[in-house]
Amino acid sequence: MINAEFDGGAIESVNFGVRLRSSGNMYFVPTDAGTKNALRAIYRDTVFAFYGILTDWEAYDISEDYGVRRRIYADKENEFMADLSAVFGAGALDDIANFQNHAQDVDYYFAEFTDNQNRRAVGIKKATRFKGTIAARNRLVRLVDDTLVFIEEDVLRLDEEFDLIVTDAHVYILNVGPMEQVAKIVANVAATAAAKVQAIHDMDLSRIVVQIGSHPRVARQAASVAANPNLAAFQRAPIEALAAQHGIKFKELENGRLQCRVQDHAKLIELLDARRYHLDLAGDGGDPYRASGRQRVSAAD
């Protein structure tokens, strides 16, 4: 997918930028030819890492518990990618003044690439290791003609890969955790899930909505449920039947909607998010199961 949207072997221009944690502002940082070449290599290494993952591309799932690396992507216009889309669309930024005074304040850094077809891609990296060498000031040396030479200047470290790459159409996610920090997923989910989740027919989830702000996992799953394109087709009878197999109990309110017990809130959201199922292969009634990780498959898989 990614190679169809940007040619990493034909990068014609590179800009390097940072976002400061304290102000939230983004700036360009002037770079020399050697740094630009290093950033080109990091872009190519990131794409190489994607294609070294032995899975198909799959859409980012807001409620998924990602473990090992998978090829993940999201539409750039997805509401939860708004902060990343803003980096891609930042345009001409001011150069930062006195960068050495702000290096410890860098939240993440990014590189903006343009290929020979005037297409753009932006690689973004959480600045965890980038500024780590600043703390080693006065203890760094380099090897010159078999002699260790003291480095007097401040030194910053570029990483081997970007956490994600943003193109005009998509966000390609190599490291999910850092991406979610940069994209402020927890805050954005809590802000949107509460309003959307109440659209589930036949279910009164008003008490769950109150909890969303203080329960990030429930908020993520509620947002995933709310984003389900088949939400309006959810049927009461199958929900009740599966809920009974998982010990979820309801009472019917005066308006006809079902409300579950407080202690069953998390289980109900997991059920609605297709993370609870019942399997009976031996014909003995079977057992309920909970899936913290999942991958959608087709009948041919």
Protein backbone atom coordinates (compact mmCIF):
# COMPACT_ATOMS: atom_id res chain seq x y z
CA MET A 1 0.00 0.00 0.00
CA ILE A 2 2.49 2.58 1.15
CA ASN A 3 4.79 2.26 -1.87
CA ALA A 4 1.85 3.08 -4.15
CA GLU A 5 1.40 6.42 -2.38
CA PHE A 6 5.00 7.57 -2.05
CA ASP A 7 8.31 6.61 -3.66
CA GLY A 8 10.92 6.36 -0.92
CA GLY A 9 13.60 5.69 -3.53
CA ALA A 10 13.01 9.03 -5.24
CA ILE A 11 12.95 11.54 -2.36
CA GLU A 12 13.85 14.98 -3.67
CA SER A 13 13.44 17.17 -0.60
CA VAL A 14 13.51 16.73 3.19
CA ASN A 15 12.44 19.02 6.02
CA PHE A 16 12.98 18.17 9.68
CA GLY A 17 10.68 19.44 12.43
CA VAL A 18 9.84 19.12 16.10
CA ARG A 19 6.82 19.66 18.32
CA LEU A 20 7.46 21.18 21.74
CA ARG A 21 5.63 19.65 24.65
CA SER A 22 5.22 22.85 26.68
CA SER A 23 3.63 24.99 23.96
CA GLY A 24 2.32 22.43 21.49
CA ASN A 25 3.93 24.43 18.67
CA MET A 26 5.69 22.84 15.70
CA TYR A 27 8.86 24.21 14.11
CA PHE A 28 11.29 23.30 11.39
CA VAL A 29 14.91 22.74 12.38
CA PRO A 30 17.58 23.55 9.74
CA THR A 31 19.54 20.43 8.71
CA ASP A 32 22.62 19.75 6.61
CA ALA A 33 22.94 17.33 3.69
CA GLY A 34 24.21 14.52 5.89
CA THR A 35 21.20 14.72 8.21
CA LYS A 36 18.81 14.80 5.26
CA ASN A 37 20.43 11.66 3.86
CA ALA A 38 20.13 9.98 7.26
CA LEU A 39 16.41 10.84 7.36
CA ARG A 40 15.95 9.39 3.86
CA ALA A 41 17.56 6.17 5.10
CA ILE A 42 15.30 6.10 8.17
CA TYR A 43 12.24 6.43 5.93
CA ARG A 44 13.39 3.51 3.77
CA ASP A 45 14.22 1.40 6.83
CA THR A 46 10.74 2.07 8.22
CA VAL A 47 9.07 0.92 4.99
CA PHE A 48 11.38 -2.11 4.94
CA ALA A 49 10.25 -2.92 8.50
CA PHE A 50 6.60 -2.80 7.40
CA TYR A 51 7.19 -5.28 4.61
CA GLY A 52 9.16 -7.53 6.93
CA ILE A 53 5.98 -8.15 8.95
CA LEU A 54 4.30 -11.34 7.80
CA THR A 55 0.69 -10.17 8.03
CA ASP A 56 -1.70 -8.52 5.62
CA TRP A 57 -2.48 -4.83 5.99
CA GLU A 58 -5.32 -4.33 8.46
CA ALA A 59 -7.26 -1.25 9.55
CA TYR A 60 -6.41 0.24 12.94
CA ASP A 61 -8.87 -0.92 15.59
CA ILE A 62 -9.31 1.60 18.38
CA SER A 63 -10.08 -1.13 20.92
CA GLU A 64 -7.49 -3.71 19.88
CA ASP A 65 -4.81 -4.87 22.32
CA TYR A 66 -1.82 -4.88 19.96
CA GLY A 67 1.08 -7.10 20.95
CA VAL A 68 3.51 -8.19 18.26
CA ARG A 69 3.92 -5.92 15.26
CA ARG A 70 1.29 -6.04 12.57
CA ARG A 71 0.87 -4.01 9.39
CA ILE A 72 -1.59 -1.38 10.59
CA TYR A 73 -3.05 1.56 8.70
CA ALA A 74 -5.82 4.11 9.19
CA ASP A 75 -7.52 6.62 6.92
CA LYS A 76 -5.85 9.98 7.42
CA GLU A 77 -9.26 11.61 7.77
CA ASN A 78 -10.32 9.24 10.56
CA GLU A 79 -11.44 11.36 13.51
CA PHE A 80 -8.88 9.76 15.81
CA MET A 81 -6.05 10.62 13.40
CA ALA A 82 -6.79 14.36 13.51
CA ASP A 83 -3.58 15.27 15.38
CA LEU A 84 -1.48 13.26 12.94
CA SER A 85 -3.30 14.75 9.97
CA ALA A 86 -2.47 18.18 11.40
CA VAL A 87 1.25 17.37 11.29
CA PHE A 88 0.93 16.34 7.64
CA GLY A 89 -0.96 19.54 6.83
CA ALA A 90 1.16 21.92 8.89
CA GLY A 91 2.63 23.58 5.80
CA ALA A 92 5.44 26.11 6.01
CA LEU A 93 6.62 26.36 9.61
CA ASP A 94 8.92 28.87 11.24
CA ASP A 95 12.47 27.74 11.95
CA ILE A 96 13.05 27.34 15.67
CA ALA A 97 15.43 29.79 17.31
CA ASN A 98 18.01 28.64 19.86
CA PHE A 99 17.05 24.99 19.42
CA GLN A 100 19.67 23.92 21.94
CA ASN A 101 17.57 25.61 24.62
CA HIS A 102 14.48 23.61 23.64
CA ALA A 103 15.89 20.16 22.91
CA GLN A 104 14.71 18.68 26.21
CA ASP A 105 11.19 19.98 25.53
CA VAL A 106 10.72 18.02 22.28
CA ASP A 107 7.62 15.81 22.39
CA TYR A 108 8.16 14.23 18.98
CA TYR A 109 10.11 14.91 15.83
CA PHE A 110 9.05 14.48 12.23
CA ALA A 111 10.52 14.55 8.75
CA GLU A 112 8.59 15.82 5.73
CA PHE A 113 9.55 14.15 2.45
CA THR A 114 8.64 15.05 -1.14
CA ASP A 115 9.22 12.57 -3.97
CA ASN A 116 9.83 13.15 -7.68
CA GLN A 117 6.07 13.16 -8.35
CA ASN A 118 5.58 15.97 -5.80
CA ARG A 119 3.86 13.59 -3.40
CA ARG A 120 4.44 14.05 0.31
CA ALA A 121 4.98 11.72 3.25
CA VAL A 122 5.71 12.58 6.87
CA GLY A 123 7.53 10.25 9.23
CA ILE A 124 6.86 10.87 12.94
CA LYS A 125 8.81 9.59 15.94
CA LYS A 126 8.12 10.00 19.65
CA ALA A 127 11.25 11.70 21.02
CA THR A 128 12.10 9.11 23.66
CA ARG A 129 15.72 8.45 22.65
CA PHE A 130 16.22 11.57 20.53
CA LYS A 131 17.13 13.78 23.48
CA GLY A 132 18.60 11.06 25.68
CA THR A 133 22.19 11.95 24.82
CA ILE A 134 21.69 15.50 26.10
CA ALA A 135 21.81 14.03 29.60
CA ALA A 136 25.21 12.52 28.72
CA ARG A 137 26.76 15.93 28.12
CA ASN A 138 30.48 15.99 28.99
CA ARG A 139 30.69 12.19 28.75
CA LEU A 140 30.54 11.65 24.97
CA VAL A 141 33.60 10.99 22.84
CA ARG A 142 34.31 10.01 19.24
CA LEU A 143 37.04 7.91 17.72
CA VAL A 144 39.43 9.81 15.42
CA ASP A 145 42.63 8.14 14.14
CA ASP A 146 42.65 5.60 16.97
CA THR A 147 42.20 8.39 19.51
CA LEU A 148 39.16 9.16 21.63
CA VAL A 149 38.23 12.80 21.12
CA PHE A 150 35.93 14.59 23.53
CA ILE A 151 32.69 15.96 22.01
CA GLU A 152 32.03 19.43 23.34
CA GLU A 153 28.78 20.07 21.45
CA ASP A 154 25.34 18.85 22.49
CA VAL A 155 24.46 15.62 20.67
CA LEU A 156 21.01 14.36 19.64
CA ARG A 157 20.19 10.88 18.41
CA LEU A 158 18.00 9.95 15.44
CA ASP A 159 16.20 6.60 15.71
CA GLU A 160 16.43 3.69 13.29
CA GLU A 161 12.72 3.89 12.37
CA PHE A 162 9.78 6.23 12.49
CA ASP A 163 6.82 5.16 14.61
CA LEU A 164 4.44 5.97 11.77
CA ILE A 165 4.29 7.46 8.29
CA VAL A 166 1.52 9.76 7.10
CA THR A 167 0.69 10.06 3.41
CA ASP A 168 -2.01 12.05 1.68
CA ALA A 169 -4.51 9.22 2.18
CA HIS A 170 -3.36 7.07 5.09
CA VAL A 171 -1.52 6.76 8.37
CA TYR A 172 0.78 3.72 8.40
CA ILE A 173 1.47 2.60 11.95
CA LEU A 174 4.59 0.64 12.85
CA ASN A 175 4.62 1.24 16.62
CA VAL A 176 1.09 1.52 17.97
CA GLY A 177 1.87 2.74 21.51
CA PRO A 178 3.93 5.81 20.51
CA MET A 179 1.42 6.58 17.74
CA GLU A 180 -1.40 6.64 20.27
CA GLN A 181 0.58 9.05 22.46
CA VAL A 182 1.30 11.41 19.57
CA ALA A 183 -2.31 11.21 18.34
CA LYS A 184 -3.70 11.73 21.89
CA ILE A 185 -5.95 8.71 21.38
CA VAL A 186 -7.09 8.41 25.00
CA ALA A 187 -8.23 12.04 25.22
CA ASN A 188 -9.88 12.01 21.79
CA VAL A 189 -11.69 8.75 22.46
CA ALA A 190 -13.10 9.94 25.78
CA ALA A 191 -14.36 13.10 24.09
CA THR A 192 -16.27 11.30 21.33
CA ALA A 193 -17.29 7.88 22.62
CA ALA A 194 -19.71 9.15 25.24
CA ALA A 195 -21.89 10.91 22.67
CA LYS A 196 -21.87 8.11 20.12
CA VAL A 197 -22.35 4.98 22.16
CA GLN A 198 -25.89 5.90 23.17
CA ALA A 199 -26.97 5.25 19.58
CA ILE A 200 -27.17 1.50 20.22
CA HIS A 201 -30.81 0.53 19.83
CA ASP A 202 -32.61 -1.23 22.69
CA MET A 203 -29.70 -0.59 25.08
CA ASP A 204 -29.65 2.03 27.83
CA LEU A 205 -25.95 2.78 28.29
CA SER A 206 -26.31 6.07 30.14
CA ARG A 207 -24.52 4.77 33.24
CA ILE A 208 -21.66 3.43 31.12
CA VAL A 209 -21.32 6.81 29.43
CA VAL A 210 -20.69 8.41 32.83
CA GLN A 211 -17.77 6.04 33.39
CA ILE A 212 -16.07 6.49 30.03
CA GLY A 213 -13.90 9.45 31.02
CA SER A 214 -12.23 7.51 33.83
CA HIS A 215 -12.00 4.11 32.13
CA PRO A 216 -9.84 4.37 28.97
CA ARG A 217 -10.29 0.72 27.99
CA VAL A 218 -14.10 0.95 28.19
CA ALA A 219 -13.94 4.24 26.27
CA ARG A 220 -11.90 2.65 23.47
CA GLN A 221 -14.28 -0.27 23.16
CA ALA A 222 -17.31 2.01 23.29
CA ALA A 223 -15.80 4.08 20.48
CA SER A 224 -15.17 0.91 18.49
CA VAL A 225 -18.78 -0.16 18.98
CA ALA A 226 -20.05 3.28 17.97
CA ALA A 227 -17.96 3.14 14.78
CA ASN A 228 -19.43 -0.20 13.70
CA PRO A 229 -21.20 0.39 10.36
CA ASN A 230 -23.78 -2.27 11.29
CA LEU A 231 -24.68 -0.65 14.61
CA ALA A 232 -28.23 0.17 13.55
CA ALA A 233 -28.79 -3.49 12.66
CA PHE A 234 -27.85 -4.84 16.11
CA GLN A 235 -30.70 -7.06 17.30
CA ARG A 236 -31.95 -7.37 20.84
CA ALA A 237 -32.55 -11.15 20.93
CA PRO A 238 -29.00 -12.22 19.94
CA ILE A 239 -27.52 -9.70 22.38
CA GLU A 240 -29.67 -11.04 25.22
CA ALA A 241 -28.84 -14.66 24.35
CA LEU A 242 -25.08 -14.10 24.25
CA ALA A 243 -25.22 -11.90 27.35
CA ALA A 244 -26.91 -14.71 29.28
CA GLN A 245 -24.05 -17.05 28.37
CA HIS A 246 -21.61 -14.57 29.91
CA GLY A 247 -23.60 -13.91 33.06
CA ILE A 248 -24.71 -10.42 32.04
CA LYS A 249 -28.08 -9.56 33.57
CA PHE A 250 -30.52 -6.90 32.39
CA LYS A 251 -33.57 -5.14 33.64
CA GLU A 252 -36.08 -3.55 31.28
CA LEU A 253 -36.72 0.14 31.86
CA GLU A 254 -40.05 1.90 31.39
CA ASN A 255 -38.98 3.09 27.94
CA GLY A 256 -38.43 -0.52 26.88
CA ARG A 257 -34.65 -0.32 26.78
CA LEU A 258 -32.42 -2.82 28.54
CA GLN A 259 -30.04 -1.72 31.29
CA CYS A 260 -27.39 -4.07 32.63
CA ARG A 261 -26.03 -4.26 36.15
CA VAL A 262 -23.19 -1.88 37.04
CA GLN A 263 -20.81 -4.81 37.54
CA ASP A 264 -21.55 -5.99 34.00
CA HIS A 265 -20.74 -2.73 32.20
CA ALA A 266 -17.30 -3.77 30.96
CA LYS A 267 -18.53 -7.23 29.93
CA LEU A 268 -21.43 -5.78 27.94
CA ILE A 269 -19.19 -3.37 26.03
CA GLU A 270 -16.81 -6.24 25.25
CA LEU A 271 -19.74 -8.28 23.97
CA LEU A 272 -20.98 -5.45 21.75
CA ASP A 273 -17.42 -5.01 20.48
CA ALA A 274 -17.26 -8.69 19.43
CA ARG A 275 -14.74 -9.50 22.14
CA ARG A 276 -16.92 -12.09 23.88
CA TYR A 277 -18.17 -15.24 22.25
CA HIS A 278 -19.41 -18.72 23.09
CA LEU A 279 -17.96 -21.88 21.60
CA ASP A 280 -19.55 -25.33 21.79
CA LEU A 281 -17.72 -27.85 19.64
CA ALA A 282 -18.40 -30.92 21.80
CA GLY A 283 -22.15 -30.39 22.09
CA ASP A 284 -21.98 -30.18 25.87
CA GLY A 285 -23.08 -26.57 26.24
CA GLY A 286 -19.66 -25.08 25.57
CA ASP A 287 -17.87 -22.27 27.33
CA PRO A 288 -17.78 -18.47 27.17
CA TYR A 289 -14.56 -16.84 25.93
CA ARG A 290 -13.07 -13.36 26.01
CA ALA A 291 -10.74 -12.09 23.25
CA SER A 292 -8.40 -9.22 24.08
CA GLY A 293 -6.81 -9.44 20.63
CA ARG A 294 -8.44 -10.22 17.31
CA GLN A 295 -7.96 -10.06 13.58
CA ARG A 296 -10.83 -10.02 11.10
CA VAL A 297 -10.56 -12.88 8.60
CA SER A 298 -12.40 -13.83 5.44
CA ALA A 299 -13.89 -17.24 4.70
CA ALA A 300 -10.85 -18.01 2.55
CA ASP A 301 -8.33 -17.37 5.38
